[in-house]
PDB file of N, CA and C in Angstrom:
ATOM      1  N   MET A   1     -30.705 -43.281 -40.784  1.00  0.00           N
ATOM      2  CA  MET A   1     -29.175 -43.786 -40.620  1.00  0.00           C
ATOM      3  C   MET A   1     -28.428 -43.849 -39.964  1.00  0.00           C
ATOM      4  N   SER A   2     -28.090 -44.518 -39.390  1.00  0.00           N
ATOM      5  CA  SER A   2     -27.057 -44.567 -38.116  1.00  0.00           C
ATOM      6  C   SER A   2     -24.929 -44.236 -38.377  1.00  0.00           C
ATOM      7  N   THR A   3     -24.960 -43.517 -37.283  1.00  0.00           N
ATOM      8  CA  THR A   3     -23.566 -43.731 -37.617  1.00  0.00           C
ATOM      9  C   THR A   3     -22.639 -44.527 -37.731  1.00  0.00           C
ATOM     10  N   ALA A   4     -23.308 -45.762 -37.237  1.00  0.00           N
ATOM     11  CA  ALA A   4     -22.346 -47.254 -38.048  1.00  0.00           C
ATOM     12  C   ALA A   4     -23.068 -47.604 -39.377  1.00  0.00           C
ATOM     13  N   GLU A   5     -24.160 -47.413 -39.867  1.00  0.00           N
ATOM     14  CA  GLU A   5     -23.876 -47.465 -41.090  1.00  0.00           C
ATOM     15  C   GLU A   5     -23.337 -46.646 -41.781  1.00  0.00           C
ATOM     16  N   LEU A   6     -22.813 -44.828 -41.986  1.00  0.00           N
ATOM     17  CA  LEU A   6     -22.772 -44.249 -42.572  1.00  0.00           C
ATOM     18  C   LEU A   6     -20.980 -44.503 -42.233  1.00  0.00           C
ATOM     19  N   ASN A   7     -20.586 -44.767 -40.909  1.00  0.00           N
ATOM     20  CA  ASN A   7     -19.506 -45.342 -41.235  1.00  0.00           C
ATOM     21  C   ASN A   7     -19.194 -46.647 -42.459  1.00  0.00           C
ATOM     22  N   GLY A   8     -20.104 -47.130 -42.429  1.00  0.00           N
ATOM     23  CA  GLY A   8     -19.718 -47.955 -43.062  1.00  0.00           C
ATOM     24  C   GLY A   8     -20.079 -48.115 -45.029  1.00  0.00           C
ATOM     25  N   ILE A   9     -20.833 -47.303 -45.172  1.00  0.00           N
ATOM     26  CA  ILE A   9     -20.760 -47.003 -45.979  1.00  0.00           C
ATOM     27  C   ILE A   9     -19.182 -45.898 -47.557  1.00  0.00           C
ATOM     28  N   LYS A  10     -19.054 -44.891 -45.973  1.00  0.00           N
ATOM     29  CA  LYS A  10     -18.187 -44.430 -46.567  1.00  0.00           C
ATOM     30  C   LYS A  10     -16.872 -44.905 -46.845  1.00  0.00           C
ATOM     31  N   LEU A  11     -16.623 -46.350 -45.253  1.00  0.00           N
ATOM     32  CA  LEU A  11     -15.575 -47.363 -46.142  1.00  0.00           C
ATOM     33  C   LEU A  11     -15.417 -47.900 -47.428  1.00  0.00           C
ATOM     34  N   ASN A  12     -16.774 -48.282 -47.559  1.00  0.00           N
ATOM     35  CA  ASN A  12     -17.148 -48.665 -48.565  1.00  0.00           C
ATOM     36  C   ASN A  12     -16.624 -47.797 -50.019  1.00  0.00           C
ATOM     37  N   LEU A  13     -17.044 -46.512 -50.288  1.00  0.00           N
ATOM     38  CA  LEU A  13     -16.949 -45.780 -50.936  1.00  0.00           C
ATOM     39  C   LEU A  13     -15.413 -44.964 -50.796  1.00  0.00           C
ATOM     40  N   ILE A  14     -14.381 -45.680 -49.970  1.00  0.00           N
ATOM     41  CA  ILE A  14     -13.317 -45.190 -49.970  1.00  0.00           C
ATOM     42  C   ILE A  14     -12.556 -46.530 -50.785  1.00  0.00           C
ATOM     43  N   SER A  15     -13.301 -47.818 -50.624  1.00  0.00           N
ATOM     44  CA  SER A  15     -11.962 -48.787 -51.019  1.00  0.00           C
ATOM     45  C   SER A  15     -12.825 -49.012 -52.501  1.00  0.00           C
ATOM     46  N   TRP A  16     -14.098 -48.152 -52.710  1.00  0.00           N
ATOM     47  CA  TRP A  16     -14.168 -48.506 -54.360  1.00  0.00           C
ATOM     48  C   TRP A  16     -13.346 -47.204 -55.429  1.00  0.00           C
ATOM     49  N   ILE A  17     -13.309 -46.218 -54.545  1.00  0.00           N
ATOM     50  CA  ILE A  17     -12.579 -44.808 -55.372  1.00  0.00           C
ATOM     51  C   ILE A  17     -10.704 -45.736 -55.224  1.00  0.00           C
ATOM     52  N   ASN A  18     -11.131 -46.442 -54.503  1.00  0.00           N
ATOM     53  CA  ASN A  18      -9.171 -46.202 -54.410  1.00  0.00           C
ATOM     54  C   ASN A  18      -9.527 -47.386 -55.625  1.00  0.00           C
ATOM     55  N   GLN A  19     -10.087 -48.159 -55.719  1.00  0.00           N
ATOM     56  CA  GLN A  19      -9.554 -49.388 -57.086  1.00  0.00           C
ATOM     57  C   GLN A  19     -10.217 -48.533 -58.669  1.00  0.00           C
ATOM     58  N   LEU A  20     -10.952 -46.928 -58.414  1.00  0.00           N
ATOM     59  CA  LEU A  20     -10.955 -46.807 -60.170  1.00  0.00           C
ATOM     60  C   LEU A  20      -9.313 -46.542 -60.196  1.00  0.00           C
ATOM     61  N   SER A  21     -10.047 -46.991 -61.669  1.00  0.00           N
ATOM     62  CA  SER A  21      -8.888 -46.032 -63.094  1.00  0.00           C
ATOM     63  C   SER A  21      -9.457 -44.815 -64.162  1.00  0.00           C
ATOM     64  N   ASP A  22     -10.198 -45.101 -63.999  1.00  0.00           N
ATOM     65  CA  ASP A  22     -11.316 -44.250 -64.907  1.00  0.00           C
ATOM     66  C   ASP A  22     -11.114 -42.827 -64.746  1.00  0.00           C
ATOM     67  N   LYS A  23     -10.001 -42.555 -64.986  1.00  0.00           N
ATOM     68  CA  LYS A  23      -9.722 -40.391 -65.073  1.00  0.00           C
ATOM     69  C   LYS A  23     -10.610 -39.907 -65.088  1.00  0.00           C
ATOM     70  N   GLU A  24     -12.238 -39.935 -65.909  1.00  0.00           N
ATOM     71  CA  GLU A  24     -13.263 -38.807 -65.769  1.00  0.00           C
ATOM     72  C   GLU A  24     -13.564 -39.150 -64.580  1.00  0.00           C
ATOM     73  N   LEU A  25     -14.393 -40.243 -64.590  1.00  0.00           N
ATOM     74  CA  LEU A  25     -14.804 -40.640 -63.121  1.00  0.00           C
ATOM     75  C   LEU A  25     -14.330 -40.438 -62.155  1.00  0.00           C
ATOM     76  N   ILE A  26     -13.168 -40.097 -61.872  1.00  0.00           N
ATOM     77  CA  ILE A  26     -11.980 -39.578 -60.487  1.00  0.00           C
ATOM     78  C   ILE A  26     -12.200 -37.750 -60.512  1.00  0.00           C
ATOM     79  N   SER A  27     -12.141 -37.083 -62.133  1.00  0.00           N
ATOM     80  CA  SER A  27     -12.221 -36.130 -62.119  1.00  0.00           C
ATOM     81  C   SER A  27     -13.834 -35.593 -61.519  1.00  0.00           C
ATOM     82  N   PHE A  28     -14.447 -36.515 -62.354  1.00  0.00           N
ATOM     83  CA  PHE A  28     -16.054 -36.320 -61.694  1.00  0.00           C
ATOM     84  C   PHE A  28     -16.091 -35.901 -60.301  1.00  0.00           C
ATOM     85  N   LEU A  29     -15.680 -37.114 -59.691  1.00  0.00           N
ATOM     86  CA  LEU A  29     -16.027 -37.362 -58.444  1.00  0.00           C
ATOM     87  C   LEU A  29     -14.828 -35.829 -57.607  1.00  0.00           C
ATOM     88  N   ASP A  30     -13.786 -35.455 -57.979  1.00  0.00           N
ATOM     89  CA  ASP A  30     -13.378 -34.775 -57.457  1.00  0.00           C
ATOM     90  C   ASP A  30     -14.227 -33.339 -57.673  1.00  0.00           C
ATOM     91  N   GLY A  31     -14.779 -33.480 -58.674  1.00  0.00           N
ATOM     92  CA  GLY A  31     -15.409 -32.053 -59.003  1.00  0.00           C
ATOM     93  C   GLY A  31     -16.411 -31.742 -58.220  1.00  0.00           C
ATOM     94  N   ILE A  32     -17.269 -33.020 -57.341  1.00  0.00           N
ATOM     95  CA  ILE A  32     -18.050 -33.148 -56.696  1.00  0.00           C
ATOM     96  C   ILE A  32     -17.822 -32.729 -55.491  1.00  0.00           C
ATOM     97  N   ARG A  33     -16.813 -33.218 -54.826  1.00  0.00           N
ATOM     98  CA  ARG A  33     -15.806 -32.512 -54.038  1.00  0.00           C
ATOM     99  C   ARG A  33     -15.961 -31.326 -53.825  1.00  0.00           C
ATOM    100  N   LEU A  34     -14.986 -31.066 -54.867  1.00  0.00           N
ATOM    101  CA  LEU A  34     -14.766 -29.382 -54.645  1.00  0.00           C
ATOM    102  C   LEU A  34     -16.276 -28.451 -54.965  1.00  0.00           C
ATOM    103  N   SER A  35     -17.058 -29.400 -55.228  1.00  0.00           N
ATOM    104  CA  SER A  35     -18.200 -27.809 -55.315  1.00  0.00           C
ATOM    105  C   SER A  35     -19.645 -28.194 -53.966  1.00  0.00           C
ATOM    106  N   ARG A  36     -18.867 -28.927 -53.033  1.00  0.00           N
ATOM    107  CA  ARG A  36     -19.698 -29.205 -51.930  1.00  0.00           C
ATOM    108  C   ARG A  36     -18.602 -28.417 -50.988  1.00  0.00           C
ATOM    109  N   ALA A  37     -17.760 -27.870 -51.018  1.00  0.00           N
ATOM    110  CA  ALA A  37     -16.788 -27.064 -50.602  1.00  0.00           C
ATOM    111  C   ALA A  37     -17.509 -25.668 -49.761  1.00  0.00           C
ATOM    112  N   ASN A  38     -17.279 -24.914 -48.425  1.00  0.00           N
ATOM    113  CA  ASN A  38     -17.975 -23.920 -48.382  1.00  0.00           C
ATOM    114  C   ASN A  38     -17.815 -22.611 -48.959  1.00  0.00           C
ATOM    115  N   GLU A  39     -17.065 -22.729 -49.684  1.00  0.00           N
ATOM    116  CA  GLU A  39     -16.382 -21.327 -50.573  1.00  0.00           C
ATOM    117  C   GLU A  39     -16.914 -21.595 -51.268  1.00  0.00           C
ATOM    118  N   ASP A  40     -17.295 -19.937 -52.195  1.00  0.00           N
ATOM    119  CA  ASP A  40     -18.436 -19.918 -53.005  1.00  0.00           C
ATOM    120  C   ASP A  40     -17.683 -19.428 -54.015  1.00  0.00           C
ATOM    121  N   TRP A  41     -18.561 -20.542 -55.236  1.00  0.00           N
ATOM    122  CA  TRP A  41     -17.411 -20.446 -56.617  1.00  0.00           C
ATOM    123  C   TRP A  41     -17.608 -18.881 -57.119  1.00  0.00           C
ATOM    124  N   TRP A  42     -18.458 -18.326 -56.792  1.00  0.00           N
ATOM    125  CA  TRP A  42     -18.422 -17.116 -57.226  1.00  0.00           C
ATOM    126  C   TRP A  42     -17.379 -15.865 -57.042  1.00  0.00           C
ATOM    127  N   ASN A  43     -16.892 -16.208 -55.678  1.00  0.00           N
ATOM    128  CA  ASN A  43     -15.379 -15.563 -55.561  1.00  0.00           C
ATOM    129  C   ASN A  43     -14.032 -16.089 -56.816  1.00  0.00           C
ATOM    130  N   GLU A  44     -14.179 -16.841 -57.301  1.00  0.00           N
ATOM    131  CA  GLU A  44     -13.018 -17.446 -58.014  1.00  0.00           C
ATOM    132  C   GLU A  44     -13.811 -16.768 -59.641  1.00  0.00           C
ATOM    133  N   LEU A  45     -14.538 -16.856 -59.805  1.00  0.00           N
ATOM    134  CA  LEU A  45     -14.770 -16.351 -61.242  1.00  0.00           C
ATOM    135  C   LEU A  45     -13.836 -14.786 -61.429  1.00  0.00           C
ATOM    136  N   SER A  46     -13.434 -14.571 -62.797  1.00  0.00           N
ATOM    137  CA  SER A  46     -13.095 -13.304 -63.120  1.00  0.00           C
ATOM    138  C   SER A  46     -14.209 -12.253 -62.956  1.00  0.00           C
ATOM    139  N   THR A  47     -13.700 -10.810 -63.272  1.00  0.00           N
ATOM    140  CA  THR A  47     -14.316  -9.677 -62.930  1.00  0.00           C
ATOM    141  C   THR A  47     -15.357 -10.221 -64.906  1.00  0.00           C
ATOM    142  N   VAL A  48     -15.239 -10.231 -65.279  1.00  0.00           N
ATOM    143  CA  VAL A  48     -15.582 -10.060 -67.441  1.00  0.00           C
ATOM    144  C   VAL A  48     -16.737 -11.186 -66.703  1.00  0.00           C
ATOM    145  N   GLN A  49     -16.485 -12.282 -66.211  1.00  0.00           N
ATOM    146  CA  GLN A  49     -17.199 -13.301 -66.246  1.00  0.00           C
ATOM    147  C   GLN A  49     -18.302 -13.131 -64.701  1.00  0.00           C
ATOM    148  N   LYS A  50     -18.082 -12.404 -64.309  1.00  0.00           N
ATOM    149  CA  LYS A  50     -18.851 -11.690 -63.180  1.00  0.00           C
ATOM    150  C   LYS A  50     -19.951 -11.062 -63.921  1.00  0.00           C
ATOM    151  N   LYS A  51     -19.558  -9.576 -65.004  1.00  0.00           N
ATOM    152  CA  LYS A  51     -20.776  -9.162 -65.403  1.00  0.00           C
ATOM    153  C   LYS A  51     -21.257  -9.769 -66.573  1.00  0.00           C
ATOM    154  N   GLN A  52     -20.670 -11.193 -67.360  1.00  0.00           N
ATOM    155  CA  GLN A  52     -21.102 -11.319 -68.242  1.00  0.00           C
ATOM    156  C   GLN A  52     -23.073 -12.460 -67.801  1.00  0.00           C
ATOM    157  N   ILE A  53     -22.664 -12.852 -66.514  1.00  0.00           N
ATOM    158  CA  ILE A  53     -23.490 -13.410 -65.981  1.00  0.00           C
ATOM    159  C   ILE A  53     -24.332 -12.677 -65.459  1.00  0.00           C
ATOM    160  N   LEU A  54     -24.145 -10.958 -64.386  1.00  0.00           N
ATOM    161  CA  LEU A  54     -25.325 -10.556 -64.079  1.00  0.00           C
ATOM    162  C   LEU A  54     -26.090  -9.763 -65.669  1.00  0.00           C
ATOM    163  N   SER A  55     -25.431 -10.009 -66.547  1.00  0.00           N
ATOM    164  CA  SER A  55     -25.861  -9.286 -67.712  1.00  0.00           C
ATOM    165  C   SER A  55     -26.896 -10.499 -68.461  1.00  0.00           C
ATOM    166  N   GLY A  56     -27.037 -11.636 -68.414  1.00  0.00           N
ATOM    167  CA  GLY A  56     -27.573 -12.260 -68.578  1.00  0.00           C
ATOM    168  C   GLY A  56     -28.823 -12.483 -67.470  1.00  0.00           C
ATOM    169  N   ILE A  57     -28.916 -12.544 -66.388  1.00  0.00           N
ATOM    170  CA  ILE A  57     -29.846 -12.527 -65.079  1.00  0.00           C
ATOM    171  C   ILE A  57     -30.961 -10.990 -65.496  1.00  0.00           C
ATOM    172  N   LYS A  58     -29.604 -10.126 -65.644  1.00  0.00           N
ATOM    173  CA  LYS A  58     -31.014  -8.706 -66.361  1.00  0.00           C
ATOM    174  C   LYS A  58     -32.013  -8.590 -67.728  1.00  0.00           C
ATOM    175  N   ASP A  59     -30.788  -9.194 -68.704  1.00  0.00           N
ATOM    176  CA  ASP A  59     -31.295  -9.642 -69.943  1.00  0.00           C
ATOM    177  C   ASP A  59     -32.898 -10.421 -69.421  1.00  0.00           C
ATOM    178  N   ALA A  60     -32.806 -11.618 -68.542  1.00  0.00           N
ATOM    179  CA  ALA A  60     -33.834 -12.490 -68.341  1.00  0.00           C
ATOM    180  C   ALA A  60     -34.993 -12.360 -67.420  1.00  0.00           C
ATOM    181  N   ASP A  61     -34.233 -11.127 -66.588  1.00  0.00           N
ATOM    182  CA  ASP A  61     -35.477 -10.073 -65.851  1.00  0.00           C
ATOM    183  C   ASP A  61     -36.613  -9.630 -66.383  1.00  0.00           C
ATOM    184  N   GLU A  62     -35.553  -9.091 -67.661  1.00  0.00           N
ATOM    185  CA  GLU A  62     -36.440  -7.984 -68.525  1.00  0.00           C
ATOM    186  C   GLU A  62     -37.098  -8.467 -69.734  1.00  0.00           C
ATOM    187  N   GLY A  63     -37.080 -10.133 -69.584  1.00  0.00           N
ATOM    188  CA  GLY A  63     -37.953 -10.374 -70.208  1.00  0.00           C
ATOM    189  C   GLY A  63     -36.786 -10.654 -72.275  1.00  0.00           C
ATOM    190  N   LYS A  64     -35.744 -10.199 -71.886  1.00  0.00           N
ATOM    191  CA  LYS A  64     -34.732 -10.856 -73.119  1.00  0.00           C
ATOM    192  C   LYS A  64     -34.189 -11.997 -73.574  1.00  0.00           C
ATOM    193  N   VAL A  65     -35.016 -12.733 -73.896  1.00  0.00           N
ATOM    194  CA  VAL A  65     -35.133 -14.336 -73.763  1.00  0.00           C
ATOM    195  C   VAL A  65     -35.640 -14.827 -75.298  1.00  0.00           C
ATOM    196  N   ILE A  66     -35.372 -15.978 -76.022  1.00  0.00           N
ATOM    197  CA  ILE A  66     -36.042 -16.559 -76.711  1.00  0.00           C
ATOM    198  C   ILE A  66     -35.711 -18.477 -76.327  1.00  0.00           C
ATOM    199  N   ASP A  67     -36.779 -18.236 -77.232  1.00  0.00           N
ATOM    200  CA  ASP A  67     -37.187 -20.113 -76.964  1.00  0.00           C
ATOM    201  C   ASP A  67     -35.733 -20.606 -77.395  1.00  0.00           C
ATOM    202  N   SER A  68     -35.454 -21.528 -76.766  1.00  0.00           N
ATOM    203  CA  SER A  68     -34.727 -22.629 -77.001  1.00  0.00           C
ATOM    204  C   SER A  68     -34.944 -23.173 -78.821  1.00  0.00           C
ATOM    205  N   LYS A  69     -36.045 -23.414 -78.808  1.00  0.00           N
ATOM    206  CA  LYS A  69     -36.442 -24.281 -80.579  1.00  0.00           C
ATOM    207  C   LYS A  69     -35.350 -23.105 -81.231  1.00  0.00           C
ATOM    208  N   ASP A  70     -35.778 -21.695 -81.057  1.00  0.00           N
ATOM    209  CA  ASP A  70     -35.812 -20.570 -81.918  1.00  0.00           C
ATOM    210  C   ASP A  70     -34.159 -20.186 -82.193  1.00  0.00           C
ATOM    211  N   PHE A  71     -33.292 -20.413 -81.173  1.00  0.00           N
ATOM    212  CA  PHE A  71     -31.707 -20.283 -81.049  1.00  0.00           C
ATOM    213  C   PHE A  71     -31.202 -21.444 -81.918  1.00  0.00           C
ATOM    214  N   TRP A  72     -32.132 -22.913 -81.459  1.00  0.00           N
ATOM    215  CA  TRP A  72     -30.795 -23.654 -82.447  1.00  0.00           C
ATOM    216  C   TRP A  72     -31.431 -23.254 -83.892  1.00  0.00           C
ATOM    217  N   LYS A  73     -32.731 -22.801 -84.235  1.00  0.00           N
ATOM    218  CA  LYS A  73     -33.128 -22.516 -85.917  1.00  0.00           C
ATOM    219  C   LYS A  73     -31.684 -21.603 -86.572  1.00  0.00           C
ATOM    220  N   LYS A  74     -31.741 -20.636 -85.296  1.00  0.00           N
ATOM    221  CA  LYS A  74     -30.649 -19.208 -85.436  1.00  0.00           C
ATOM    222  C   LYS A  74     -29.350 -19.962 -86.044  1.00  0.00           C
ATOM    223  N   ILE A  75     -28.690 -20.700 -85.169  1.00  0.00           N
ATOM    224  CA  ILE A  75     -27.506 -21.345 -85.254  1.00  0.00           C
ATOM    225  C   ILE A  75     -27.807 -22.694 -86.539  1.00  0.00           C
ATOM    226  N   LYS A  76     -28.193 -23.346 -87.196  1.00  0.00           N
ATOM    227  CA  LYS A  76     -28.591 -24.057 -87.558  1.00  0.00           C
ATOM    228  C   LYS A  76     -27.931 -23.160 -89.189  1.00  0.00           C
ATOM    229  N   ASN A  77     -29.171 -21.742 -89.035  1.00  0.00           N
ATOM    230  CA  ASN A  77     -28.968 -21.088 -90.737  1.00  0.00           C
ATOM    231  C   ASN A  77     -27.656 -19.719 -90.410  1.00  0.00           C
ATOM    232  N   VAL A  78     -26.706 -19.929 -89.406  1.00  0.00           N
ATOM    233  CA  VAL A  78     -25.904 -19.681 -89.768  1.00  0.00           C
ATOM    234  C   VAL A  78     -24.821 -20.032 -90.915  1.00  0.00           C
TER     235      VAL A  78
END
């Protein structure tokens, strides 16, 4: 894709976004923009969140997992 074509697409997107009124879609697009930032989202997590994620990874590495079907069965029976 040439630079001119890329710039044309950008201008079309800007025009389209400028006409949007759907708050959910605007929020979604902003989320994409923020997710593409160079900052690592890991740094934005709290210590508790980081510990929970690392614990989950450890459990998965150790095979301490259940099938999603079994999980949903247990949830329904609670």
